[in-house]
Each structure stands twice: as structure tokens, then as C-alpha cells.
Amino acid sequence: MKKRILIVAFIFSLISCSQKESIKESVIQQKEILSKKEINSIIKKEIENTGDFQWSKQDTHVILSALSHGNNILTIGYGSAKNDFTRSSSSENIKKHIISLVNKNEEKLSKSTNKVYSNDHINIIDIKVNKEETLLALMNDPSVRYIEPADYNFNENNQIRSSKGCDRSQKDIKEADYRIITPNAKVPWSFDKHKIPEAWEYSTGKNITIAIIDTGLSPEQKLMNESFNSGDSSERTVQKYGTFVDSWLPWSNNYDGVNDKCGHGTSMASVATAPRNNSNLPMGVAYNANLISYRAVEDVVIDDYHEKRGISEALTALANRNDVKIISMSLGYPFSIGRVKDAIRYAYGKGKMILAAGGTSTAYTTWYGVIFPASMEETVAVTGVKENIYEKCDDCHTGSKIDFTIQMQRTNGTSNNIPILSYYNDNSDYEGGSSVATATTAGIAALVWSKNPNWTREQVLEKIKKSSDFYPAKHPEFGYGNINVLKAVQ
């Protein structure tokens, strides 16, 4: 009798479970996809409450909705542990397991049609996902570190690409904003404020390589190309690479070359490394340092799938170069991007000093403090302040994550920024904000490292801290403050 009762109870349990699964499936099917406005509201609320946003902390419906607004491409960070982001002997088996899990749940996507992108150095893959059940399976799998919609754009203007930070203009530089030194180069006003010219008596950046991950390098500015060694700059190299894919198709590998089409990357390379020229044009901080330029993005806001890919590919490539000590990134996004975070940690683990801009103001981030990746512990966060006062420049962000400040905006009756080389040959321009502050600090780090070639990243960083206004304290908005570069190289 007990056996019959148990059998009946078991059958009833199966029917009950089946009904529950049916109801659950029905509920999933009946849920409407959230709009971008609704998703962005969730994102903004979490950033305001916690300082960051992570997709893996959201429920599957939010993630599925975000996927539907971005080609359904999901980034999966995998590994044998939470911090296992570096490829190893076990990575391939885990990757195969993840792909098998996805294909098993995505009934309509066969193994041959569901393409996969993977990185050679970090444990991430991109794969198409259409079903909430797949997301549930991934979130419950111990080998999955995180999942993120790869192509979701926080910009509420749907998937329209931004052009923030792009400027290929040319302007005459006012005499009050520079002075001439030999052989015939313009020293920007801000260099004197930080005692950079005095520091050149001790170091010019020789034998140090600065990598700029940005929009590339203009082919039309000869001082950053064939005349990189001119005037008092000599025996150094400039190298150009490209990891940005210019395509709306997520699986495209149509790399867009090395040339800057925006102007921002050229500006950053100029302020960090432009030669001490004899052309009556602005020069850079580390005028004898080597330069590596990566075209990894289209503009300064990391809001496109191929920009996220391009940055992570550039970072991992640079991480594996012994000649690279400094990586400068004057770009960012309001919240964390898993693949970029993994790539930064990978490069950091190789001893690189990674500098990042504290803020890239846009219509939808003006309310935000220090942006990603400057918000990471592994990066050196830099922002700009006005001349002679601790007041943030017009397009700059401040906050507790900031490490250093650079004077970027005049208060001498004008609002002029920093004289730099133009996108075009034989011309100059003005540029400012936390972007130029970051590139300037990259040049400063090169001066210190060149003076002390056997130092580690930590020793160089500590010397710069000790040479700043607020050391040993840290200001809640401006970090260690403005850098006295002469003191840093003595």
C-alpha cells in the first residue's frame, strides 16, 4: 500500500513540476522586452547607488532585453575561478564547454551558424544568445565569471554612434599661451605650471615607450610621422597599429587601419611625445620617448562593440611587449566593461602603468563622477583643473578615484586650453579636458622612468605622488593634486 502511495505521490510530483515549468515558460514568453529607456534607468540607478553597474547582477530578463537592443551578442567571461581571466592550458576545455552549453540551449542556432569570437590572451568569448533559458544556464555554471550584452549602447539615441572628442580643426595659438625654446619649438603654458621644462635638464623620456590607445595617428601631420625625429628629438621610433573594425556587422574582421579619422588620438600623441621641433609648433612632454599608436576606437566614448573589442586587443598586445612601460587611455564609459577590465588586469599583471581619463563628458554622463576604466584600482586616474586653482575644468570629472590633476584651462581672462599639434601638417590647435591631462601625465611618467630605468611601476608612481601638492594626503576630489615634475625627476 505504501509503495502505491509513493508511486502516486511521485507521479503527482512530476505533473506538478511539469506544470510549474510550463507556467514559468509561459511567464518568460509573456514578458515584454524592456525599452532602452527602462534599461538605462536601471543602469543609472545602480551607478548612483553603488558607483558602478554590472550586468551579471541583473536578472535574466534585463540582460535578454539589452541583448535584443544589440544584435543578441553576449560576452561571456569564463575561467576556473573568479579571477581566472588569463588564458591557460585549461582554458580551451572550459571554452568548449561554454560553447556546447549555449548551443544546447539555443535550439535554433546550430554549431555551424552560431559564430564565436574569442581573445588569444584573456578568457572571454562572444556568442549569439536569444533565449532566457541560456542565460539562466550560464549564470548557474561555475565556470562562468560574468555575462554581458556585448553590443548594448547606453546612449539613448538607439545605436547611433557618437563622435565625442573628435576635432580636426586648426587654430592659431595666442602668444600668451606659449613661449619659444630652441631650436624653434613652442612650450605650452601648462608645461611651465608643472615645471616640465626644468625637468628636461634631467630627463627627456629617452628609451621609454609610451603607448597611446585611441583613435589612431593622423597621416597628415609629419611631425608625428616622418619628422618624428626632428629638431632636438632623435633616435626614437613611432609605430602604428589598428585593432578597430569599422562595421555594423558584429562578426566582421574588417580592421580599419592605423590612421586617425577623428583627431583625438593625434592630439593625445602630440601632447605626450611631439618632437622638440624647429617648425615653430607645440612640442610634447617626453620629446625623446618612443611612441606606439593604436587605432582601437572611433571616438572617446566606448559605446560600440568593435571599440570594446579593439581596446581589449590593443591592451593584450601591448601587455606582451617588453619595450612598453606606459599605456595611456584618454577614453572611457560610464560603467564597467568586462572584457576591457580583464585586458587591463592582464596588462597590469605584466607591469604596465596604465593611465586613464577621469571623465569624458557627454550629454548622458555629465551627472557621473569618475568613469571607467579610470575607476579601476589598476589604473592611474587623471583629470584637469583650471590654472592656479583647484577647480575642475569645464569638461572634466572629479571624485575619490582621481589620482592626479593637470592644469588644463586658463584663468587669465581666456578659457584657452593646451597648445598642441593639429591633425594637419604645419598647423596647431588647442585641446584640453581630462584627455590631455592623462596624456600629459603619461609623458611625465616617461620622464621619471627614463631618469630611473631600473625602477618598477610602483616606484615610479610613488615618486610622482611624492612630487604632488597634497601628498601624503589625498584630496577627495583631486587626488594627490598637481604634479611638480622637476621634483619628480630630481
Protein backbone atom coordinates (compact mmCIF):
# COMPACT_ATOMS: atom_id res chain seq x y z
CA MET A 1 0.00 0.00 0.00
CA LYS A 2 2.86 2.36 0.92
CA LYS A 3 4.55 1.65 -2.41
CA ARG A 4 1.37 2.51 -4.33
CA ILE A 5 1.01 5.74 -2.36
CA LEU A 6 4.64 6.62 -3.02
CA ILE A 7 4.26 5.94 -6.76
CA VAL A 8 1.11 8.09 -6.93
CA ALA A 9 2.86 10.86 -4.98
CA PHE A 10 5.87 10.68 -7.31
CA ILE A 11 3.68 10.90 -10.42
CA PHE A 12 1.78 13.83 -8.89
CA SER A 13 5.13 15.50 -8.13
CA LEU A 14 6.24 15.08 -11.74
CA ILE A 15 2.97 16.51 -13.03
CA SER A 16 3.24 19.39 -10.57
CA CYS A 17 6.85 20.16 -11.58
CA SER A 18 5.89 19.93 -15.24
CA GLN A 19 3.05 22.38 -14.68
CA LYS A 20 5.37 24.74 -12.82
CA GLU A 21 7.91 24.64 -15.66
CA SER A 22 5.10 25.21 -18.14
CA ILE A 23 3.87 28.19 -16.13
CA LYS A 24 7.45 29.51 -15.86
CA GLU A 25 7.96 29.12 -19.62
CA SER A 26 4.66 30.89 -20.21
CA VAL A 27 5.67 33.78 -17.95
CA ILE A 28 9.02 34.13 -19.78
CA GLN A 29 7.26 34.21 -23.13
CA GLN A 30 4.74 36.78 -21.95
CA LYS A 31 7.33 39.24 -20.63
CA GLU A 32 7.78 42.21 -22.89
CA ILE A 33 11.28 43.29 -23.81
CA LEU A 34 12.32 46.33 -21.79
CA SER A 35 12.91 49.54 -23.70
CA LYS A 36 16.31 51.22 -23.74
CA LYS A 37 14.87 53.95 -21.55
CA GLU A 38 13.81 51.37 -18.96
CA ILE A 39 17.17 49.58 -19.07
CA ASN A 40 19.10 52.84 -18.82
CA SER A 41 17.03 53.82 -15.81
CA ILE A 42 18.12 50.59 -14.08
CA ILE A 43 21.75 51.24 -15.03
CA LYS A 44 21.74 54.84 -13.86
CA LYS A 45 20.08 53.98 -10.54
CA GLU A 46 22.68 51.33 -9.72
CA ILE A 47 25.57 53.64 -10.65
CA GLU A 48 24.15 56.34 -8.39
CA ASN A 49 23.76 53.83 -5.53
CA THR A 50 26.98 51.83 -5.88
CA GLY A 51 29.30 53.78 -8.18
CA ASP A 52 29.23 51.13 -10.91
CA PHE A 53 26.93 48.81 -12.84
CA GLN A 54 27.45 45.12 -13.53
CA TRP A 55 25.26 43.14 -15.89
CA SER A 56 25.79 39.88 -14.01
CA LYS A 57 23.97 41.31 -11.00
CA GLN A 58 20.82 41.84 -13.08
CA ASP A 59 18.08 39.30 -13.69
CA THR A 60 17.94 37.42 -16.96
CA HIS A 61 15.05 39.46 -18.33
CA VAL A 62 17.04 42.70 -18.09
CA ILE A 63 20.03 41.07 -19.80
CA LEU A 64 17.86 39.48 -22.50
CA SER A 65 16.22 42.85 -23.15
CA ALA A 66 19.62 44.50 -23.50
CA LEU A 67 20.73 41.73 -25.88
CA SER A 68 17.73 42.43 -28.11
CA HIS A 69 18.94 46.04 -28.45
CA GLY A 70 22.41 44.91 -29.53
CA ASN A 71 22.44 42.10 -32.11
CA ASN A 72 21.96 39.47 -29.35
CA ILE A 73 25.73 39.18 -28.92
CA LEU A 74 26.67 38.04 -25.41
CA THR A 75 30.15 38.36 -23.91
CA ILE A 76 30.97 35.51 -21.56
CA GLY A 77 33.91 35.77 -19.19
CA TYR A 78 34.90 32.28 -18.15
CA GLY A 79 37.55 30.56 -16.05
CA SER A 80 38.22 28.08 -13.29
CA ALA A 81 37.90 30.82 -10.64
CA LYS A 82 36.57 34.36 -10.24
CA ASN A 83 39.91 35.97 -11.13
CA ASP A 84 40.95 33.41 -13.74
CA PHE A 85 40.96 35.79 -16.71
CA THR A 86 44.27 34.75 -18.30
CA ARG A 87 44.36 32.01 -20.94
CA SER A 88 45.95 28.80 -19.66
CA SER A 89 46.16 25.09 -20.51
CA SER A 90 42.67 24.53 -19.07
CA SER A 91 41.04 27.48 -20.88
CA GLU A 92 40.29 25.69 -24.13
CA ASN A 93 38.31 22.90 -22.46
CA ILE A 94 36.28 25.43 -20.47
CA LYS A 95 35.62 27.44 -23.61
CA LYS A 96 34.40 24.34 -25.45
CA HIS A 97 32.13 23.54 -22.51
CA ILE A 98 30.61 27.06 -22.59
CA ILE A 99 30.00 26.92 -26.34
CA SER A 100 28.41 23.49 -26.01
CA LEU A 101 26.16 24.75 -23.21
CA VAL A 102 24.99 27.70 -25.33
CA ASN A 103 24.36 25.62 -28.43
CA LYS A 104 22.45 23.04 -26.40
CA ASN A 105 20.05 25.69 -25.14
CA GLU A 106 19.83 27.68 -28.36
CA GLU A 107 17.89 25.08 -30.33
CA LYS A 108 17.53 27.23 -33.45
CA LEU A 109 21.24 28.02 -33.66
CA SER A 110 23.38 25.16 -34.86
CA LYS A 111 27.07 24.92 -34.05
CA SER A 112 27.91 25.90 -37.60
CA THR A 113 25.78 29.04 -37.69
CA ASN A 114 26.42 30.44 -34.22
CA LYS A 115 29.76 32.18 -34.68
CA VAL A 116 32.15 32.79 -31.83
CA TYR A 117 34.78 35.46 -31.20
CA SER A 118 37.48 34.74 -28.63
CA ASN A 119 40.59 36.55 -27.43
CA ASP A 120 44.01 34.86 -27.58
CA HIS A 121 45.11 36.11 -24.17
CA ILE A 122 42.09 36.52 -21.90
CA ASN A 123 39.21 34.17 -21.09
CA ILE A 124 36.32 35.77 -22.94
CA ILE A 125 34.11 34.74 -25.83
CA ASP A 126 31.30 36.45 -27.74
CA ILE A 127 28.42 34.30 -28.95
CA LYS A 128 24.86 34.86 -30.07
CA VAL A 129 22.15 34.19 -27.46
CA ASN A 130 18.39 34.51 -27.97
CA LYS A 131 16.87 32.65 -25.03
CA GLU A 132 16.47 33.44 -21.36
CA GLU A 133 16.99 29.78 -20.50
CA THR A 134 20.51 30.04 -21.94
CA LEU A 135 21.24 32.99 -19.69
CA LEU A 136 19.96 31.07 -16.67
CA ALA A 137 22.16 28.10 -17.53
CA LEU A 138 25.21 30.33 -17.91
CA MET A 139 24.61 32.20 -14.67
CA ASN A 140 24.37 28.90 -12.81
CA ASP A 141 27.52 27.45 -14.35
CA PRO A 142 30.57 27.64 -12.03
CA SER A 143 32.97 28.23 -14.93
CA VAL A 144 31.20 31.47 -15.95
CA ARG A 145 32.71 34.57 -14.31
CA TYR A 146 30.27 37.06 -15.84
CA ILE A 147 27.95 37.64 -18.78
CA GLU A 148 27.35 40.96 -20.56
CA PRO A 149 25.41 42.17 -23.59
CA ALA A 150 28.36 42.90 -25.87
CA ASP A 151 26.75 45.47 -28.13
CA TYR A 152 24.38 47.36 -25.84
CA ASN A 153 24.76 51.12 -26.19
CA PHE A 154 23.96 53.27 -23.14
CA ASN A 155 23.34 56.20 -25.49
CA GLU A 156 19.56 56.56 -25.62
CA ASN A 157 19.67 57.55 -29.29
CA ASN A 158 19.37 53.86 -30.06
CA GLN A 159 22.56 52.50 -31.66
CA ILE A 160 23.73 55.78 -33.19
CA ARG A 161 27.48 56.04 -32.86
CA SER A 162 28.85 59.06 -31.06
CA SER A 163 31.57 61.36 -32.31
CA LYS A 164 32.57 62.72 -28.92
CA GLY A 165 36.05 64.18 -28.71
CA CYS A 166 36.60 64.32 -32.46
CA ASP A 167 38.12 67.55 -33.74
CA ARG A 168 40.28 68.01 -36.82
CA SER A 169 40.33 71.79 -36.68
CA GLN A 170 43.34 74.09 -36.65
CA LYS A 171 43.75 77.28 -34.64
CA ASP A 172 46.34 79.96 -34.25
CA ILE A 173 47.94 79.87 -30.81
CA LYS A 174 47.87 83.11 -28.85
CA GLU A 175 51.27 84.41 -27.77
CA ALA A 176 50.26 84.38 -24.10
CA ASP A 177 49.76 80.61 -24.27
CA TYR A 178 53.31 79.55 -25.16
CA ARG A 179 56.95 80.51 -25.22
CA ILE A 180 59.65 79.59 -27.72
CA ILE A 181 62.70 77.49 -26.85
CA THR A 182 65.49 76.07 -29.01
CA PRO A 183 65.58 75.03 -31.76
CA ASN A 184 62.22 76.71 -32.51
CA ALA A 185 59.54 74.89 -30.53
CA LYS A 186 56.52 76.20 -28.63
CA VAL A 187 56.29 75.23 -24.96
CA PRO A 188 52.62 75.18 -23.88
CA TRP A 189 51.78 77.39 -20.89
CA SER A 190 50.77 74.44 -18.73
CA PHE A 191 54.24 72.87 -19.00
CA ASP A 192 55.69 75.80 -17.08
CA LYS A 193 52.98 75.48 -14.44
CA HIS A 194 54.19 71.94 -13.74
CA LYS A 195 57.93 72.73 -14.10
CA ILE A 196 58.28 70.37 -17.05
CA PRO A 197 60.93 72.47 -18.90
CA GLU A 198 63.14 72.48 -15.78
CA ALA A 199 62.74 68.68 -15.62
CA TRP A 200 64.18 68.36 -19.14
CA GLU A 201 67.60 69.17 -17.66
CA TYR A 202 67.39 65.72 -16.05
CA SER A 203 65.26 63.64 -18.44
CA THR A 204 63.62 63.84 -21.87
CA GLY A 205 61.96 60.41 -21.95
CA LYS A 206 64.74 58.67 -23.85
CA ASN A 207 64.47 54.86 -24.15
CA ILE A 208 60.93 54.80 -22.76
CA THR A 209 57.98 53.73 -24.91
CA ILE A 210 54.55 55.31 -24.45
CA ALA A 211 51.57 53.55 -26.00
CA ILE A 212 48.50 55.62 -26.83
CA ILE A 213 45.27 53.62 -27.23
CA ASP A 214 42.91 55.99 -29.00
CA THR A 215 41.64 56.85 -32.49
CA GLY A 216 44.98 56.45 -34.23
CA LEU A 217 47.52 58.86 -35.69
CA SER A 218 46.99 61.38 -38.47
CA PRO A 219 48.96 60.62 -41.64
CA GLU A 220 48.81 64.35 -42.43
CA GLN A 221 50.97 65.57 -39.51
CA LYS A 222 54.59 64.93 -40.47
CA LEU A 223 55.96 65.75 -37.01
CA MET A 224 54.20 62.62 -35.74
CA ASN A 225 55.36 60.56 -38.70
CA GLU A 226 58.42 61.00 -40.93
CA SER A 227 59.68 64.02 -38.93
CA PHE A 228 59.16 62.40 -35.52
CA ASN A 229 62.94 62.69 -35.16
CA SER A 230 63.49 66.38 -35.86
CA GLY A 231 64.89 69.36 -34.00
CA ASP A 232 66.20 68.17 -30.63
CA SER A 233 64.34 64.82 -30.81
CA SER A 234 66.41 61.93 -32.09
CA GLU A 235 67.00 58.16 -32.10
CA ARG A 236 63.41 57.21 -31.31
CA THR A 237 60.64 55.34 -33.07
CA VAL A 238 56.96 55.73 -33.86
CA GLN A 239 54.88 52.64 -34.60
CA LYS A 240 51.23 52.49 -35.69
CA TYR A 241 48.71 49.66 -35.30
CA GLY A 242 44.99 49.22 -35.75
CA THR A 243 42.51 46.99 -33.91
CA PHE A 244 39.26 48.85 -34.66
CA VAL A 245 36.77 47.19 -37.01
CA ASP A 246 34.63 49.72 -38.87
CA SER A 247 31.49 47.69 -39.46
CA TRP A 248 27.92 47.34 -38.24
CA LEU A 249 28.34 43.58 -38.54
CA PRO A 250 29.48 42.14 -35.19
CA TRP A 251 31.47 39.26 -36.67
CA SER A 252 33.35 41.39 -39.20
CA ASN A 253 37.15 41.46 -39.08
CA ASN A 254 37.42 44.41 -41.44
CA TYR A 255 40.11 46.24 -39.49
CA ASP A 256 40.10 49.94 -40.30
CA GLY A 257 43.84 50.56 -40.43
CA VAL A 258 46.05 52.79 -38.32
CA ASN A 259 45.09 56.29 -39.46
CA ASP A 260 43.20 58.70 -37.23
CA LYS A 261 39.89 59.86 -38.71
CA CYS A 262 38.76 61.68 -35.58
CA GLY A 263 41.70 63.81 -34.47
CA HIS A 264 41.64 62.84 -30.80
CA GLY A 265 44.38 60.22 -30.96
CA THR A 266 46.70 62.61 -32.80
CA SER A 267 46.14 65.23 -30.10
CA MET A 268 46.98 62.77 -27.30
CA ALA A 269 50.12 61.53 -29.05
CA SER A 270 51.15 65.15 -29.66
CA VAL A 271 50.96 66.32 -26.04
CA ALA A 272 52.81 63.21 -24.83
CA THR A 273 55.58 62.85 -27.43
CA ALA A 274 55.62 65.57 -30.15
CA PRO A 275 59.22 66.45 -31.10
CA ARG A 276 61.12 69.45 -29.80
CA ASN A 277 60.88 70.77 -33.31
CA ASN A 278 62.32 73.63 -35.33
CA SER A 279 58.97 74.31 -37.04
CA ASN A 280 57.56 76.86 -34.57
CA LEU A 281 54.94 74.34 -33.42
CA PRO A 282 53.91 72.92 -30.00
CA MET A 283 56.08 70.16 -28.55
CA GLY A 284 55.32 67.22 -26.24
CA VAL A 285 56.23 66.42 -22.64
CA ALA A 286 58.52 63.43 -23.35
CA TYR A 287 60.00 64.66 -26.61
CA ASN A 288 62.58 61.87 -26.80
CA ALA A 289 60.28 58.97 -25.88
CA ASN A 290 59.20 56.29 -28.35
CA LEU A 291 55.56 56.20 -29.42
CA ILE A 292 53.18 53.35 -30.22
CA SER A 293 49.79 54.46 -31.52
CA TYR A 294 46.79 52.13 -31.61
CA ARG A 295 43.65 52.94 -33.56
CA ALA A 296 41.31 50.95 -31.30
CA VAL A 297 38.23 53.21 -31.20
CA GLU A 298 36.26 55.58 -33.39
CA ASP A 299 35.95 58.28 -30.70
CA VAL A 300 36.47 58.67 -26.94
CA VAL A 301 33.24 57.01 -25.75
CA ILE A 302 33.49 53.21 -25.68
CA ASP A 303 29.91 52.62 -26.83
CA ASP A 304 30.40 50.32 -29.82
CA TYR A 305 31.01 46.57 -29.82
CA HIS A 306 34.05 46.89 -32.07
CA GLU A 307 35.51 49.60 -29.83
CA LYS A 308 35.30 47.28 -26.84
CA ARG A 309 36.98 44.57 -28.88
CA GLY A 310 39.58 46.95 -30.26
CA ILE A 311 40.64 48.21 -26.84
CA SER A 312 40.97 44.74 -25.32
CA GLU A 313 43.00 43.54 -28.32
CA ALA A 314 45.31 46.56 -28.10
CA LEU A 315 45.80 46.14 -24.36
CA THR A 316 46.67 42.46 -24.54
CA ALA A 317 49.06 43.03 -27.46
CA LEU A 318 50.85 45.83 -25.60
CA ALA A 319 50.93 43.80 -22.40
CA ASN A 320 53.10 41.22 -24.13
CA ARG A 321 55.68 43.74 -25.36
CA ASN A 322 58.73 44.10 -23.12
CA ASP A 323 59.55 47.53 -24.55
CA VAL A 324 56.25 49.09 -23.43
CA LYS A 325 56.11 50.59 -19.95
CA ILE A 326 53.29 53.15 -20.16
CA ILE A 327 49.80 52.84 -21.68
CA SER A 328 47.66 55.98 -21.94
CA MET A 329 43.89 55.75 -22.48
CA SER A 330 42.06 59.08 -22.79
CA LEU A 331 38.70 57.42 -23.30
CA GLY A 332 36.01 55.72 -21.26
CA TYR A 333 32.44 54.71 -20.48
CA PRO A 334 30.02 55.35 -17.59
CA PHE A 335 30.32 51.80 -16.21
CA SER A 336 32.49 48.68 -16.32
CA ILE A 337 33.08 46.65 -19.48
CA GLY A 338 34.13 43.11 -18.57
CA ARG A 339 36.44 42.39 -21.49
CA VAL A 340 38.23 45.74 -21.09
CA LYS A 341 38.54 45.19 -17.34
CA ASP A 342 40.08 41.75 -17.96
CA ALA A 343 42.52 43.19 -20.51
CA ILE A 344 43.58 45.99 -18.15
CA ARG A 345 44.22 43.47 -15.38
CA TYR A 346 46.18 41.36 -17.83
CA ALA A 347 48.39 44.34 -18.80
CA TYR A 348 48.70 45.43 -15.18
CA GLY A 349 49.93 41.95 -14.29
CA LYS A 350 52.71 42.44 -16.86
CA GLY A 351 53.95 45.53 -15.02
CA LYS A 352 52.48 48.23 -17.27
CA MET A 353 51.48 51.63 -15.91
CA ILE A 354 48.01 52.32 -17.29
CA LEU A 355 46.72 55.89 -17.20
CA ALA A 356 43.06 56.69 -17.84
CA ALA A 357 40.97 59.84 -18.17
CA GLY A 358 38.79 60.61 -15.17
CA GLY A 359 35.88 61.80 -17.28
CA THR A 360 34.63 62.06 -20.83
CA SER A 361 31.63 64.36 -20.65
CA THR A 362 28.67 63.63 -22.88
CA ALA A 363 25.02 64.56 -22.78
CA TYR A 364 24.33 61.37 -20.82
CA THR A 365 27.34 61.30 -18.47
CA THR A 366 27.55 64.86 -17.16
CA TRP A 367 25.97 63.68 -13.90
CA TYR A 368 28.62 61.00 -13.44
CA GLY A 369 31.84 61.09 -11.40
CA VAL A 370 34.99 59.20 -12.39
CA ILE A 371 34.28 56.97 -15.38
CA PHE A 372 35.51 53.52 -16.35
CA PRO A 373 38.32 52.47 -16.73
CA ALA A 374 39.77 55.32 -14.61
CA SER A 375 37.57 53.99 -11.80
CA MET A 376 39.61 50.76 -11.64
CA GLU A 377 42.26 50.22 -8.96
CA GLU A 378 44.69 49.06 -11.66
CA THR A 379 44.63 52.39 -13.50
CA VAL A 380 46.05 55.82 -12.70
CA ALA A 381 43.12 58.26 -12.95
CA VAL A 382 43.82 61.79 -14.14
CA THR A 383 41.66 64.87 -14.56
CA GLY A 384 42.12 68.53 -15.46
CA VAL A 385 41.85 71.65 -13.33
CA LYS A 386 41.92 75.35 -14.07
CA GLU A 387 45.07 77.43 -13.96
CA ASN A 388 46.37 78.18 -10.44
CA ILE A 389 43.19 77.00 -8.69
CA TYR A 390 41.70 73.67 -7.70
CA GLU A 391 38.55 73.93 -9.73
CA LYS A 392 37.78 71.29 -12.34
CA CYS A 393 37.98 72.37 -15.97
CA ASP A 394 34.74 72.71 -17.89
CA ASP A 395 34.74 69.20 -19.42
CA CYS A 396 36.37 67.37 -16.52
CA HIS A 397 35.13 64.97 -13.85
CA THR A 398 36.38 64.67 -10.28
CA GLY A 399 35.94 62.21 -7.42
CA SER A 400 37.64 59.93 -4.91
CA LYS A 401 39.11 57.72 -7.64
CA ILE A 402 41.22 60.57 -9.10
CA ASP A 403 44.98 60.22 -8.56
CA PHE A 404 46.46 63.34 -10.19
CA THR A 405 45.47 66.65 -11.77
CA ILE A 406 47.00 68.72 -14.56
CA GLN A 407 46.26 72.40 -15.21
CA MET A 408 44.31 72.40 -18.45
CA GLN A 409 42.28 75.59 -18.65
CA ARG A 410 43.45 79.19 -18.42
CA THR A 411 42.04 81.71 -15.97
CA ASN A 412 43.99 84.67 -17.36
CA GLY A 413 40.95 86.23 -18.96
CA THR A 414 40.55 83.43 -21.51
CA SER A 415 39.37 79.84 -21.37
CA ASN A 416 42.08 78.54 -23.69
CA ASN A 417 43.32 75.02 -23.21
CA ILE A 418 46.67 73.47 -24.19
CA PRO A 419 48.52 74.26 -27.45
CA ILE A 420 49.08 71.03 -29.41
CA LEU A 421 49.86 69.91 -32.94
CA SER A 422 46.93 69.98 -35.33
CA TYR A 423 45.71 67.00 -37.30
CA TYR A 424 47.15 68.77 -40.33
CA ASN A 425 50.78 69.47 -41.15
CA ASP A 426 52.35 72.82 -40.20
CA ASN A 427 49.35 73.74 -38.06
CA SER A 428 48.50 73.90 -34.37
CA ASP A 429 45.36 73.59 -32.27
CA TYR A 430 44.03 73.75 -28.70
CA GLU A 431 42.91 70.75 -26.67
CA GLY A 432 42.04 70.22 -23.01
CA GLY A 433 39.98 68.26 -20.52
CA SER A 434 40.93 65.10 -18.69
CA SER A 435 42.03 63.60 -22.01
CA VAL A 436 45.04 65.88 -22.43
CA ALA A 437 45.65 65.76 -18.67
CA THR A 438 46.03 61.99 -18.99
CA ALA A 439 48.39 62.14 -21.98
CA THR A 440 50.42 64.82 -20.20
CA THR A 441 50.79 62.57 -17.16
CA ALA A 442 51.86 59.70 -19.42
CA GLY A 443 54.66 61.94 -20.67
CA ILE A 444 55.59 62.86 -17.08
CA ALA A 445 55.76 59.17 -16.14
CA ALA A 446 58.12 58.63 -19.09
CA LEU A 447 60.43 61.40 -17.82
CA VAL A 448 60.59 59.81 -14.37
CA TRP A 449 61.08 56.28 -15.72
CA SER A 450 63.77 57.42 -18.16
CA LYS A 451 65.68 59.02 -15.28
CA ASN A 452 65.32 55.77 -13.29
CA PRO A 453 65.25 52.98 -15.90
CA ASN A 454 65.54 50.14 -13.39
CA TRP A 455 62.58 51.23 -11.30
CA THR A 456 59.31 49.31 -11.15
CA ARG A 457 55.92 50.82 -11.92
CA GLU A 458 55.24 51.18 -8.21
CA GLN A 459 58.47 53.10 -7.61
CA VAL A 460 57.76 55.50 -10.47
CA LEU A 461 54.21 56.06 -9.28
CA GLU A 462 55.33 56.65 -5.69
CA LYS A 463 57.87 59.26 -6.84
CA ILE A 464 55.15 61.11 -8.78
CA LYS A 465 52.86 61.00 -5.75
CA LYS A 466 55.56 62.43 -3.50
CA SER A 467 56.04 65.26 -6.00
CA SER A 468 52.39 66.32 -5.96
CA ASP A 469 50.63 69.05 -3.97
CA PHE A 470 48.60 67.04 -1.47
CA TYR A 471 50.97 64.16 -0.71
CA PRO A 472 50.84 62.21 1.61
CA ALA A 473 47.14 63.03 1.93
CA LYS A 474 44.69 62.54 -0.91
CA HIS A 475 42.10 65.17 -1.74
CA PRO A 476 38.55 63.72 -2.02
CA GLU A 477 38.08 65.27 -5.48
CA PHE A 478 41.57 65.91 -6.88
CA GLY A 479 43.69 63.01 -5.60
CA TYR A 480 47.31 63.93 -4.94
CA GLY A 481 46.81 67.09 -7.00
CA ASN A 482 49.09 68.90 -9.43
CA ILE A 483 52.50 67.34 -10.15
CA ASN A 484 55.79 69.19 -9.72
CA VAL A 485 57.72 67.42 -12.47
CA LEU A 486 61.09 68.92 -11.59
CA LYS A 487 60.77 67.43 -8.11
CA ALA A 488 59.71 64.10 -9.65
CA VAL A 489 62.92 63.73 -11.69
CA GLN A 490 65.39 65.04 -9.12
